[in-house]
Structure formats: structure tokens, C-alpha cells
Protein backbone atom coordinates (compact mmCIF):
# COMPACT_ATOMS: atom_id res chain seq x y z
CA UNK A 1 1.69 5.45 -10.97
CA UNK A 2 0.88 4.09 -7.29
CA UNK A 3 -0.31 6.60 -4.76
CA UNK A 4 2.58 8.52 -4.49
CA UNK A 5 3.88 8.42 -0.61
CA UNK A 6 2.79 12.04 0.97
CA UNK A 7 5.12 12.14 4.42
CA UNK A 8 4.15 15.53 6.76
CA UNK A 9 6.58 18.31 6.16
CA UNK A 10 7.27 21.22 8.19
CA UNK A 11 7.51 24.29 6.27
CA UNK A 12 4.27 24.56 3.52
CA UNK A 13 4.88 28.19 1.21
CA UNK A 14 1.66 29.98 0.56
CA UNK A 15 1.28 29.35 -2.34
CA UNK A 16 0.70 25.32 -1.63
CA UNK A 17 -1.90 26.28 1.42
CA UNK A 18 -3.91 27.73 -0.16
CA UNK A 19 -4.53 25.75 -3.49
CA UNK A 20 -4.05 22.44 -0.52
CA UNK A 21 -7.33 24.26 1.87
CA UNK A 22 -9.08 24.28 -1.04
CA UNK A 23 -8.75 20.47 -2.64
CA UNK A 24 -9.80 20.01 1.15
CA UNK A 25 -12.42 21.82 0.67
CA UNK A 26 -13.77 20.35 -2.54
CA UNK A 27 -13.19 17.06 -1.15
CA UNK A 28 -15.10 17.35 1.82
CA UNK A 29 -11.49 16.68 4.11
CA UNK A 30 -12.69 16.98 8.32
CA UNK A 31 -10.41 19.39 9.60
CA UNK A 32 -10.71 18.00 13.26
CA UNK A 33 -12.74 15.48 14.99
CA UNK A 34 -15.88 16.48 16.87
CA UNK A 35 -15.33 17.23 20.81
CA UNK A 36 -17.78 14.04 21.47
CA UNK A 37 -15.44 11.86 19.53
CA UNK A 38 -12.12 13.81 20.61
CA UNK A 39 -13.39 12.99 24.49
CA UNK A 40 -14.53 9.19 23.83
CA UNK A 41 -11.26 8.95 22.74
CA UNK A 42 -9.47 10.19 25.68
CA UNK A 43 -11.33 8.55 27.56
CA UNK A 44 -10.90 4.72 25.89
CA UNK A 45 -7.11 5.56 25.70
CA UNK A 46 -7.23 5.79 30.03
CA UNK A 47 -9.72 3.05 29.59
CA UNK A 48 -8.91 0.12 27.15
CA UNK A 49 -10.07 -3.89 27.44
CA UNK A 50 -6.78 -5.75 28.25
CA UNK A 51 -7.14 -8.91 27.15
CA UNK A 52 -5.33 -11.83 29.75
CA UNK A 53 -2.92 -13.28 27.39
CA UNK A 54 0.58 -12.09 28.36
CA UNK A 55 2.85 -12.13 24.97
CA UNK A 56 5.38 -9.36 25.64
CA UNK A 57 8.32 -11.70 25.96
CA UNK A 58 8.14 -11.67 22.55
CA UNK A 59 11.12 -9.51 21.71
CA UNK A 60 8.53 -7.68 18.03
CA UNK A 61 9.84 -4.71 16.22
CA UNK A 62 8.40 -2.50 13.59
CA UNK A 63 8.94 -1.44 10.23
CA UNK A 64 7.60 1.71 8.64
CA UNK A 65 7.97 4.82 7.21
CA UNK A 66 10.82 6.93 8.96
CA UNK A 67 9.12 9.48 11.36
CA UNK A 68 5.60 6.87 11.38
CA UNK A 69 3.25 7.46 14.49
CA UNK A 70 0.04 5.21 13.73
CA UNK A 71 2.33 1.64 13.62
CA UNK A 72 -0.11 -0.94 12.70
CA UNK A 73 1.70 -4.17 12.75
CA UNK A 74 4.90 -5.34 14.78
CA UNK A 75 6.78 -8.57 13.76
CA UNK A 76 8.82 -11.61 15.02
CA UNK A 77 10.13 -14.44 13.44
CA UNK A 78 11.93 -17.26 14.69
CA UNK A 79 12.97 -21.59 13.36
CA UNK A 80 11.31 -24.13 14.65
CA UNK A 81 13.41 -27.76 15.21
CA UNK A 82 12.16 -28.76 12.26
CA UNK A 83 13.31 -25.74 10.40
CA UNK A 84 10.03 -24.38 10.16
CA UNK A 85 9.03 -21.09 10.59
CA UNK A 86 7.29 -19.37 12.90
CA UNK A 87 5.56 -16.02 12.62
CA UNK A 88 4.83 -13.48 15.09
CA UNK A 89 2.78 -10.79 14.16
CA UNK A 90 1.15 -8.61 15.97
CA UNK A 91 -2.04 -6.70 15.34
CA UNK A 92 -3.22 -2.85 16.84
CA UNK A 93 -6.56 -3.46 18.48
CA UNK A 94 -8.59 -0.89 17.99
CA UNK A 95 -11.65 -2.93 19.65
CA UNK A 96 -9.63 -2.38 22.18
CA UNK A 97 -10.33 1.20 22.86
CA UNK A 98 -13.80 1.57 20.36
CA UNK A 99 -16.83 0.39 21.74
CA UNK A 100 -19.76 -0.65 18.25
CA UNK A 101 -22.18 2.99 18.74
CA UNK A 102 -19.88 4.88 20.42
CA UNK A 103 -18.93 8.46 19.16
CA UNK A 104 -15.16 7.01 18.33
CA UNK A 105 -16.72 4.24 16.23
CA UNK A 106 -19.46 6.15 14.40
CA UNK A 107 -17.06 8.56 12.83
CA UNK A 108 -14.20 5.99 12.14
CA UNK A 109 -17.74 4.53 10.25
CA UNK A 110 -18.02 8.11 8.28
CA UNK A 111 -14.19 8.54 7.47
CA UNK A 112 -13.51 4.91 6.01
CA UNK A 113 -9.82 5.51 5.89
CA UNK A 114 -6.87 7.37 7.16
CA UNK A 115 -6.06 10.58 4.31
CA UNK A 116 -2.42 12.05 4.21
CA UNK A 117 -0.95 15.17 2.75
CA UNK A 118 2.43 17.09 3.21
CA UNK A 119 1.04 18.95 5.58
CA UNK A 120 -1.49 16.65 7.29
CA UNK A 121 -2.57 13.89 7.91
CA UNK A 122 -6.18 13.36 8.24
CA UNK A 123 -6.87 9.79 10.98
CA UNK A 124 -9.30 8.05 10.96
CA UNK A 125 -9.46 7.47 14.80
CA UNK A 126 -7.92 10.95 16.49
CA UNK A 127 -4.10 10.51 17.35
CA UNK A 128 -4.56 9.50 21.25
CA UNK A 129 -5.69 6.53 19.62
CA UNK A 130 -4.05 6.36 16.29
CA UNK A 131 -0.37 7.69 17.34
CA UNK A 132 -1.14 7.19 20.89
CA UNK A 133 -3.12 4.28 23.36
CA UNK A 134 -2.81 1.57 20.18
CA UNK A 135 -0.62 2.47 18.49
CA UNK A 136 2.00 -0.08 18.52
CA UNK A 137 5.01 2.11 19.68
CA UNK A 138 8.44 0.70 20.72
CA UNK A 139 8.65 -0.20 24.78
CA UNK A 140 5.08 0.56 25.21
CA UNK A 141 2.75 -2.18 26.42
CA UNK A 142 -0.18 -2.35 23.83
CA UNK A 143 -2.99 -4.98 23.32
CA UNK A 144 -3.53 -6.29 19.80
CA UNK A 145 -4.55 -9.05 17.46
CA UNK A 146 -1.66 -12.14 18.42
CA UNK A 147 -1.08 -14.02 15.13
CA UNK A 148 0.89 -17.72 13.94
CA UNK A 149 1.62 -18.27 11.34
CA UNK A 150 3.96 -21.58 10.24
CA UNK A 151 5.59 -22.01 7.36
CA UNK A 152 7.39 -24.86 5.97
CA UNK A 153 11.00 -24.51 5.29
CA UNK A 154 9.68 -23.25 1.53
CA UNK A 155 7.26 -20.73 2.64
CA UNK A 156 4.30 -21.93 2.36
CA UNK A 157 1.72 -22.42 5.88
CA UNK A 158 1.45 -25.02 7.24
CA UNK A 159 -1.26 -23.31 10.07
CA UNK A 160 -2.11 -20.43 11.86
CA UNK A 161 -4.27 -18.48 14.30
CA UNK A 162 -5.04 -15.46 16.39
CA UNK A 163 -6.05 -14.24 19.78
CA UNK A 164 -5.68 -11.95 21.65
CA UNK A 165 -2.63 -10.35 23.35
CA UNK A 166 -0.72 -8.05 25.48
CA UNK A 167 2.22 -7.58 23.41
CA UNK A 168 6.03 -4.67 23.53
CA UNK A 169 7.32 -3.80 20.69
CA UNK A 170 11.14 -3.11 20.53
CA UNK A 171 12.49 -1.40 18.35
CA UNK A 172 10.45 1.01 15.38
CA UNK A 173 12.71 0.78 12.41
CA UNK A 174 11.89 2.88 9.64
CA UNK A 175 12.90 0.50 5.52
CA UNK A 176 16.04 2.40 5.36
CA UNK A 177 17.26 1.22 8.65
CA UNK A 178 15.80 -2.63 8.07
CA UNK A 179 17.77 -2.25 4.87
CA UNK A 180 20.79 -1.72 6.52
CA UNK A 181 20.59 -3.97 9.13
CA UNK A 182 19.66 -6.72 7.11
CA UNK A 183 22.55 -6.07 4.10
CA UNK A 184 25.31 -6.03 7.31
CA UNK A 185 26.64 -8.96 8.51
CA UNK A 186 24.65 -9.81 11.76
CA UNK A 187 21.57 -9.05 11.73
CA UNK A 188 19.02 -9.28 14.24
CA UNK A 189 16.19 -12.68 13.83
CA UNK A 190 14.27 -11.55 12.74
CA UNK A 191 15.53 -9.48 10.08
CA UNK A 192 17.79 -12.18 8.78
CA UNK A 193 14.75 -14.76 9.21
CA UNK A 194 12.40 -11.64 7.17
CA UNK A 195 14.26 -11.75 4.49
CA UNK A 196 14.37 -15.18 3.84
CA UNK A 197 10.93 -15.71 4.17
CA UNK A 198 9.46 -12.67 2.13
CA UNK A 199 12.22 -14.53 -0.41
CA UNK A 200 9.59 -17.84 -0.29
CA UNK A 201 6.73 -16.10 -0.63
CA UNK A 202 7.53 -14.57 -3.28
CA UNK A 203 7.94 -17.02 -5.01
CA UNK A 204 5.22 -18.56 -3.39
CA UNK A 205 3.93 -16.00 -5.36
CA UNK A 206 5.06 -16.80 -8.17
CA UNK A 207 3.92 -20.25 -8.14
CA UNK A 208 -0.01 -18.98 -7.88
CA UNK A 209 0.39 -17.44 -10.33
CA UNK A 210 0.30 -13.74 -8.28
CA UNK A 211 1.96 -10.79 -9.00
CA UNK A 212 2.88 -7.50 -6.50
CA UNK A 213 4.66 -4.45 -9.20
CA UNK A 214 7.03 -2.97 -8.84
CA UNK A 215 6.33 0.61 -9.57
CA UNK A 216 8.97 3.48 -8.67
CA UNK A 217 7.18 5.55 -6.36
CA UNK A 218 6.71 8.93 -6.61
CA UNK A 219 7.52 10.65 -3.34
CA UNK A 220 7.25 14.02 -1.83
CA UNK A 221 10.28 15.57 0.02
CA UNK A 222 11.29 18.59 1.77
CA UNK A 223 14.00 20.41 -0.36
CA UNK A 224 15.09 23.53 1.18
CA UNK A 225 11.92 25.76 2.22
CA UNK A 226 9.78 23.55 0.67
CA UNK A 227 9.22 20.65 -1.40
CA UNK A 228 10.41 18.65 -4.67
CA UNK A 229 8.52 15.10 -6.20
CA UNK A 230 11.19 12.57 -7.18
CA UNK A 231 10.47 9.22 -7.75
CA UNK A 232 12.30 6.08 -5.88
CA UNK A 233 12.12 2.48 -6.34
CA UNK A 234 11.44 -0.06 -3.23
CA UNK A 235 13.76 -1.54 -0.94
CA UNK A 236 14.02 -5.69 -0.87
CA UNK A 237 12.85 -5.11 3.08
CA UNK A 238 9.52 -3.00 1.67
CA UNK A 239 8.90 -5.89 -0.64
CA UNK A 240 9.54 -9.00 2.36
CA UNK A 241 7.65 -7.10 4.35
CA UNK A 242 4.38 -6.83 2.52
CA UNK A 243 4.84 -10.52 1.83
CA UNK A 244 4.04 -10.55 5.71
CA UNK A 245 1.02 -8.63 6.07
CA UNK A 246 -0.30 -10.36 2.09
CA UNK A 247 0.74 -13.82 4.25
CA UNK A 248 -1.65 -13.10 7.17
CA UNK A 249 -4.23 -11.35 5.07
CA UNK A 250 -4.89 -14.63 3.07
CA UNK A 251 -4.96 -16.51 6.05
CA UNK A 252 -7.88 -14.89 7.28
CA UNK A 253 -9.62 -14.65 4.27
CA UNK A 254 -9.21 -18.56 4.50
CA UNK A 255 -10.24 -18.41 7.90
CA UNK A 256 -12.96 -16.69 7.12
CA UNK A 257 -13.88 -18.41 3.82
CA UNK A 258 -13.83 -21.73 6.60
CA UNK A 259 -16.36 -19.87 9.27
CA UNK A 260 -18.42 -18.53 5.66
CA UNK A 261 -19.08 -15.06 7.49
CA UNK A 262 -16.42 -12.12 6.51
CA UNK A 263 -15.41 -9.30 4.15
CA UNK A 264 -12.94 -10.48 1.20
CA UNK A 265 -10.45 -7.95 -0.32
CA UNK A 266 -11.09 -8.42 -4.15
CA UNK A 267 -10.23 -7.98 -7.79
CA UNK A 268 -11.38 -9.63 -11.40
CA UNK A 269 -9.14 -11.34 -13.27
CA UNK A 270 -8.45 -9.41 -16.35
CA UNK A 271 -10.00 -9.62 -19.59
CA UNK A 272 -8.62 -11.40 -22.51
CA UNK A 273 -8.48 -8.19 -24.76
CA UNK A 274 -6.34 -6.18 -22.09
CA UNK A 275 -3.97 -9.16 -22.17
CA UNK A 276 -3.60 -8.70 -25.94
CA UNK A 277 -2.54 -5.04 -26.07
CA UNK A 278 -0.13 -5.32 -23.16
CA UNK A 279 1.40 -7.46 -24.99
CA UNK A 280 2.05 -4.85 -28.24
CA UNK A 281 3.09 -2.32 -25.77
CA UNK A 282 5.52 -5.27 -24.73
CA UNK A 283 6.95 -5.55 -28.85
CA UNK A 284 6.07 -1.20 -29.01
CA UNK A 285 8.61 -0.81 -26.16
CA UNK A 286 11.19 -3.81 -27.72
CA UNK A 287 10.92 -6.06 -24.93
CA UNK A 288 11.12 -10.17 -25.33
CA UNK A 289 8.16 -11.41 -24.15
CA UNK A 290 7.88 -14.97 -25.05
CA UNK A 291 4.20 -16.73 -25.88
CA UNK A 292 5.14 -19.61 -23.15
CA UNK A 293 6.02 -16.87 -20.31
CA UNK A 294 2.50 -16.24 -18.71
CA UNK A 295 2.23 -12.46 -17.85
CA UNK A 296 3.03 -12.79 -13.76
CA UNK A 297 6.59 -14.03 -15.00
CA UNK A 298 6.73 -11.53 -17.07
CA UNK A 299 6.56 -8.98 -14.31
CA UNK A 300 8.31 -10.39 -11.93
CA UNK A 301 11.35 -10.05 -14.11
CA UNK A 302 11.08 -6.25 -15.21
CA UNK A 303 13.32 -3.42 -13.68
CA UNK A 304 11.37 -0.27 -12.43
CA UNK A 305 15.13 1.27 -12.45
CA UNK A 306 14.90 1.05 -15.97
CA UNK A 307 13.13 3.60 -18.14
CA UNK A 308 11.44 1.13 -20.76
CA UNK A 309 11.71 -1.61 -18.62
CA UNK A 310 9.49 1.37 -16.23
CA UNK A 311 7.07 2.22 -18.97
CA UNK A 312 6.08 -0.90 -18.71
CA UNK A 313 5.53 -1.70 -14.85
CA UNK A 314 3.09 1.17 -15.45
CA UNK A 315 1.42 -0.26 -18.53
CA UNK A 316 0.67 -2.92 -16.71
CA UNK A 317 -1.52 -1.08 -13.58
CA UNK A 318 -4.23 -1.17 -15.98
CA UNK A 319 -5.38 -4.99 -15.31
CA UNK A 320 -5.13 -3.86 -11.62
CA UNK A 321 -7.84 -2.25 -11.66
CA UNK A 322 -11.77 -3.05 -10.41
CA UNK A 323 -10.55 -3.52 -6.90
CA UNK A 324 -12.99 -3.99 -4.36
CA UNK A 325 -14.63 -5.50 -0.81
CA UNK A 326 -17.20 -8.61 -1.16
CA UNK A 327 -19.27 -9.17 2.28
CA UNK A 328 -20.90 -12.74 2.99
CA UNK A 329 -22.52 -14.02 5.83
CA UNK A 330 -24.29 -18.40 5.81
CA UNK A 331 -22.31 -19.49 3.00
CA UNK A 332 -19.77 -18.92 0.00
CA UNK A 333 -19.98 -16.09 -2.19
CA UNK A 334 -18.26 -16.23 -5.74
CA UNK A 335 -16.03 -14.49 -7.67
CA UNK A 336 -14.04 -13.80 -4.13
CA UNK A 337 -10.31 -13.68 -5.06
CA UNK A 338 -8.23 -11.55 -6.01
CA UNK A 339 -6.63 -11.92 -9.07
CA UNK A 340 -3.73 -10.26 -8.50
CA UNK A 341 -2.56 -12.28 -5.72
CA UNK A 342 -4.15 -15.35 -6.94
CA UNK A 343 -5.58 -16.14 -3.66
CA UNK A 344 -8.22 -15.09 -1.14
CA UNK A 345 -7.18 -12.51 0.36
CA UNK A 346 -8.32 -10.13 3.70
CA UNK A 347 -7.55 -6.53 4.40
CA UNK A 348 -6.89 -7.41 8.16
CA UNK A 349 -3.37 -5.96 9.29
CA UNK A 350 -4.34 -1.93 9.66
CA UNK A 351 -7.23 -1.31 11.27
CA UNK A 352 -5.66 2.46 13.15
CA UNK A 353 -5.04 3.00 9.38
CA UNK A 354 -8.62 1.33 7.71
CA UNK A 355 -12.09 0.86 9.15
CA UNK A 356 -12.69 -2.68 7.35
CA UNK A 357 -9.80 -4.71 9.17
CA UNK A 358 -11.20 -3.84 12.69
CA UNK A 359 -14.20 -5.67 11.49
CA UNK A 360 -11.68 -8.78 9.74
CA UNK A 361 -10.39 -9.08 12.87
CA UNK A 362 -12.69 -9.69 15.18
CA UNK A 363 -14.40 -12.18 12.80
CA UNK A 364 -10.53 -14.22 12.64
CA UNK A 365 -10.86 -13.98 16.69
CA UNK A 366 -14.12 -15.34 17.32
CA UNK A 367 -13.38 -18.27 15.14
CA UNK A 368 -10.13 -19.17 16.63
CA UNK A 369 -11.09 -18.91 19.86
CA UNK A 370 -14.34 -21.17 18.94
CA UNK A 371 -16.32 -18.26 20.20
CA UNK A 372 -20.15 -16.15 18.43
CA UNK A 373 -19.21 -13.82 15.91
CA UNK A 374 -20.39 -10.63 18.14
CA UNK A 375 -23.22 -8.69 16.84
CA UNK A 376 -22.29 -5.04 16.05
CA UNK A 377 -20.13 -6.61 13.08
CA UNK A 378 -23.27 -8.69 11.87
CA UNK A 379 -24.61 -5.72 11.91
CA UNK A 380 -22.35 -3.48 10.04
CA UNK A 381 -21.43 -6.15 7.50
CA UNK A 382 -23.49 -5.41 4.86
CA UNK A 383 -22.86 -1.74 4.68
CA UNK A 384 -19.11 -1.67 4.59
CA UNK A 385 -17.88 -2.50 1.03
CA UNK A 386 -19.91 0.72 -0.05
CA UNK A 387 -17.81 2.38 2.41
CA UNK A 388 -15.21 1.66 2.16
CA UNK A 389 -15.03 1.92 -1.95
CA UNK A 390 -16.77 5.00 -1.72
CA UNK A 391 -13.84 6.02 0.86
CA UNK A 392 -10.93 4.90 -1.14
CA UNK A 393 -12.21 6.97 -4.31
CA UNK A 394 -11.98 9.76 -1.83
CA UNK A 395 -8.66 9.28 -0.84
CA UNK A 396 -7.19 8.51 -4.60
CA UNK A 397 -9.48 11.99 -5.91
CA UNK A 398 -8.00 14.03 -2.91
CA UNK A 399 -3.84 12.31 -3.04
CA UNK A 400 -4.00 12.91 -6.90
CA UNK A 401 -4.93 16.14 -6.18
CA UNK A 402 -2.43 16.99 -3.94
CA UNK A 403 0.47 15.61 -5.91
CA UNK A 404 -1.08 17.47 -9.28
CA UNK A 405 -1.48 20.81 -7.62
CA UNK A 406 2.67 20.49 -5.85
CA UNK A 407 3.52 19.17 -9.89
CA UNK A 408 2.21 23.06 -10.64
CA UNK A 409 3.90 24.53 -7.58
CA UNK A 410 7.86 22.87 -8.80
CA UNK A 411 7.27 23.90 -12.63
CA UNK A 412 5.07 26.88 -12.60
CA UNK A 413 8.17 29.66 -13.32
CA UNK A 414 9.60 27.16 -15.77
CA UNK A 415 7.20 27.41 -18.39
CA UNK A 416 9.33 26.82 -21.78
CA UNK A 417 12.08 25.20 -20.10
CA UNK A 418 12.58 21.71 -22.14
CA UNK A 419 13.30 18.67 -19.02
CA UNK A 420 14.63 15.25 -20.11
CA UNK A 421 11.72 12.53 -19.58
CA UNK A 422 10.24 8.72 -21.35
CA UNK A 423 6.59 8.38 -22.57
CA UNK A 424 5.37 5.92 -20.52
CA UNK A 425 1.83 6.27 -21.87
CA UNK A 426 0.69 7.02 -25.45
CA UNK A 427 -2.43 7.42 -27.22
CA UNK A 428 -4.41 5.77 -30.39
CA UNK A 429 -3.04 8.29 -32.24
CA UNK A 430 0.26 8.49 -31.69
CA UNK A 431 0.16 12.37 -30.89
CA UNK A 432 -0.73 12.41 -27.27
CA UNK A 433 0.39 10.44 -24.44
CA UNK A 434 2.10 10.33 -21.16
CA UNK A 435 5.97 11.06 -20.30
CA UNK A 436 7.25 10.81 -16.99
CA UNK A 437 9.95 13.73 -16.04
CA UNK A 438 13.15 12.33 -13.90
CA UNK A 439 13.60 15.52 -12.00
CA UNK A 440 11.32 16.55 -10.69
CA UNK A 441 9.67 13.35 -10.39
CA UNK A 442 6.06 14.86 -12.53
CA UNK A 443 3.75 12.94 -15.19
CA UNK A 444 2.19 15.15 -17.62
CA UNK A 445 0.04 15.09 -20.91
CA UNK A 446 3.02 15.31 -23.67
CA UNK A 447 2.11 15.68 -27.40
CA UNK A 448 4.65 14.83 -30.49
CA UNK A 449 4.90 13.62 -33.86
CA UNK A 450 4.68 9.76 -33.40
CA UNK A 451 5.25 9.27 -29.97
CA UNK A 452 6.70 5.43 -29.15
CA UNK A 453 6.87 3.83 -25.62
CA UNK A 454 9.94 3.39 -24.22
CA UNK A 455 11.41 7.11 -25.73
CA UNK A 456 13.51 9.05 -24.01
CA UNK A 457 12.67 12.39 -25.39
CA UNK A 458 13.52 16.25 -24.62
CA UNK A 459 10.30 17.73 -23.68
CA UNK A 460 10.18 21.79 -23.22
CA UNK A 461 6.93 22.98 -20.56
CA UNK A 462 3.74 24.30 -22.22
CA UNK A 463 1.48 24.77 -19.51
CA UNK A 464 1.84 25.08 -15.61
CA UNK A 465 -1.81 26.02 -14.43
CA UNK A 466 -3.11 26.18 -10.93
CA UNK A 467 -6.99 27.16 -12.03
CA UNK A 468 -6.84 23.91 -14.44
CA UNK A 469 -4.08 22.18 -11.54
CA UNK A 470 -1.71 20.02 -14.72
CA UNK A 471 1.14 20.37 -16.66
CA UNK A 472 1.35 19.36 -19.76
CA UNK A 473 4.15 19.01 -22.48
CA UNK A 474 5.58 19.02 -26.17
CA UNK A 475 8.72 16.76 -27.96
CA UNK A 476 11.50 19.46 -28.24
CA UNK A 477 13.49 16.36 -29.44
CA UNK A 478 13.95 12.61 -29.79
CA UNK A 479 17.23 11.01 -27.77
CA UNK A 480 16.10 7.05 -28.17
CA UNK A 481 14.00 5.01 -28.50
CA UNK A 482 14.04 1.78 -26.41
CA UNK A 483 16.12 -0.52 -26.87
CA UNK A 484 15.98 -4.51 -26.83
CA UNK A 485 15.54 -5.55 -23.25
CA UNK A 486 16.80 -9.36 -21.54
CA UNK A 487 14.78 -10.15 -18.35
CA UNK A 488 16.45 -13.01 -16.81
CA UNK A 489 14.31 -15.30 -14.25
CA UNK A 490 14.78 -14.42 -10.03
CA UNK A 491 17.02 -17.15 -8.22
CA UNK A 492 15.00 -18.64 -5.25
CA UNK A 493 16.92 -18.08 -1.78
CA UNK A 494 20.00 -19.93 -0.29
């Protein structure tokens, strides 16, 4: 499963507050910014370095999870006279506020990335910047790195460039609001075209041999005076919006490779053993995977709303391992592809929340303006991959520990009760594995005789231990086995 979404919730039960404090202490998560960092951020917010180019005429919008304040991206899409798509994608410009070697910069290098928990957010930059002066909040003029990407009428990149500009977002939409407007009879131009561009980019992804997993998302949600966990299938607009970010990251990678200086997001290809094993998983789930159908095409046709196919998607995550960063200067390194995307790719669209994006953006702006890359970029380049790797390891461990804690909290007084779930993983001995419970949305270890992937089972909760931070189940009864699945290929956009 992907990392769960951790939104800010107002009510924190005492048991969870203690557990969260212990997790933060173990992970050495900072509770506040040093005074000198806060002071520097206040000064930077008051006196940013503003660009000369004014593009506040663009009717940009932001699309983010509801309640977000750290808004990295704002989007506008128009149709050209020849049917081409012209995408304007504004990215928050942190370099307008952060000076190399200043207290904000040094602290950002220590943190690496924003950390999320249900009771608080531990930002990469002080909130006066990340949720204020640097955030692309609606109706506020902001400095940005403005990407202009032209696609032909079938979503193929024709040209891409980036420059500094002042922008102003016109509206802040949640995913649900954006999807509702797209589904209405009269969406604004950008949203109507986002659907079309997103669908064409998904086809281009298929043509490249890339794949994006549509996994059900485990989310923390408020319930009464506490919290619960639920699985949610992503809205289509989330995928289309992600395609714009991916498109920009690919354009950034191509610019940096052409200039032979940069930092890329990489992922090695799956080995033949893992692919053979995955075909065995499909066979166990009774999902037909024709021999001539390659992996990306097969995965694209799986639905996260079907238990057996959700289990197949979960198993497919094993091929998406080994992601990292590769910096380079004065040449083009080997093995820089991102196997899941089947393309060169760079993280460049989330500088408020991820350190490396500030650097990739700065490199691309310099190349597009035909100016030298700043010396401060070169000084940091070699160390960025390991800094980001360490930050990502900490973030994943932190978020997983929080979910484990919440699962125990939700089930601590329900040991002995039964729940309906789906077997999503089976160990080699066939008697141990993992089960996904629908309500509450919990994953845990399960024991039973001759477990089968995709089985719908009634399981009994045997453990919900705060000390261990884990829940465990045993199979009480098999409800049904995996059913034969027929997969239909996606249709092109109309």
C-alpha cells in the first residue's frame, strides 16, 4: 500500500497523544524551528526577491487535498489555434526567499522533506513561508517558476521551458471539488482540458511502457471525538493532475540531461524472477494474464475496488522498489531511467515539501535562460541523493509507525471480535500472510490453513498490542475464494 494520507485532525485522544509523542521522540522529529530559522523566515517573507516577468493574467488554479495550505503548484491549460495544448504550470519559488547557507537553507537540508501526522505537520520550511508567503494561495501574487509546456493534440510534448514570473492563483480546489466540476456540464476551461490532457498523457504512458498503480488509499479520517482509518479509491482527477506533475518532471529531466548537470529520480527495472513470481500471484488470484500481455498493460486494467484485483495491485508494489536519486555534472550517467515511468524523470514540482525540487528547478531555470548555474547548486549537488534517501527513509518509517499505532488504537478493545477482510499476501508456508480489513481500514498479519491470495475471509482479532504496535488476526472462516477476473483495456479519450 502507498503511504497513507495524514490530514490534520483537531481531537487527539490521550492514548494516541502519548503514542505519537513516543514515535516522534524515536524518529527524532523536531517539534519546532530554531529561533534563528524563524527570524530568518520572517525577514525573507517580508523581502522576497521578485522577478520582473508578470504573468498574473493567467487564470491559474490549485488542486490539492482539502484544507491544504502548502500549495506548490498552480495550473492553467488552454487550447491553441492548431489544436495543441498549452500548459502553464506555476511552481512555488523557494529561492526567492531562501538564500544559500542561511538558517532556513541549513535547516531544510537537515529535514529533507515535510513529515505528516494526523495531529500536526512537521514542515520542511517555517509555516510563514510554506503556508504563507511562498505558498500559491488564491488571490495572492507570488513569485514562481512558471513552466510553459506545449503538447500536440494527442498529448505528445512539443516544447517545454521555465522562467521566473509573478503569478496569482484564482481558486483553491480540493480533489472532490475539482472532480465535481469536471463531471458538471460546464467546467472551467482548465478543468475541462485537464481531463482530456490527463487521458492523453495516460495513453502516452501506456505507449512508453510506463505504469501508475491505482491503489486504494489508506486515509485517517475524523469520526466522532476520535479518528478512524478508511480505504478510498482515488478520484480520476487525482490521476490526471498527477500526469501534469509527471510531465513537468520529465521535461525537467530532459533539460538537465541536455545540459549534463542535474539530479534525477531513478528506479531500476524489475528483475525476471519478480515478474515470474507476479504471474504466479495472478494465477493464484484467478486473474487472467495473457502471456503476450506485458506488465504495464496488465496492471493498468486492474481495479482497486475489486478485492482480488486490489490484492493483485498490492503484490505489484514489489516491483516498484529501489527508487533513489542520481546527481551528475559534466556528463550523462548510466542507468538514470525511472522504470515505472519508462522515462527520465526529476522531482521538481514540490519545493515547499521536498528539498531536492528547489535544486532541479534552479538548474532548469538557468539552462532555459542560458545563464550559468549558481555555484551554491554545484556545492550541494553531490550530497543531495543521500540526504534525500535518508529523509525518505525517516518519513516512511514515521508514517508507518503512526498507522500501526492508530490500528492498535482502533482495535484495542475488540480482541476476539471477527471482521471481514481479503487476503492480500501469503507467505511461502501458506499458513501466514497479510489481510486487509475493510472497516476499519486496517492491514495486519493473519494465520490460517492454506491461505490463498484474494480469499474473502472472516478473521478473528487475536492481538492489538500498544507495546508491539501491531495487530494480528486468525482466519475464522473462508467466505469465498478469488473469482475469475476478466480485464478490459481502457478506451482512448473522445
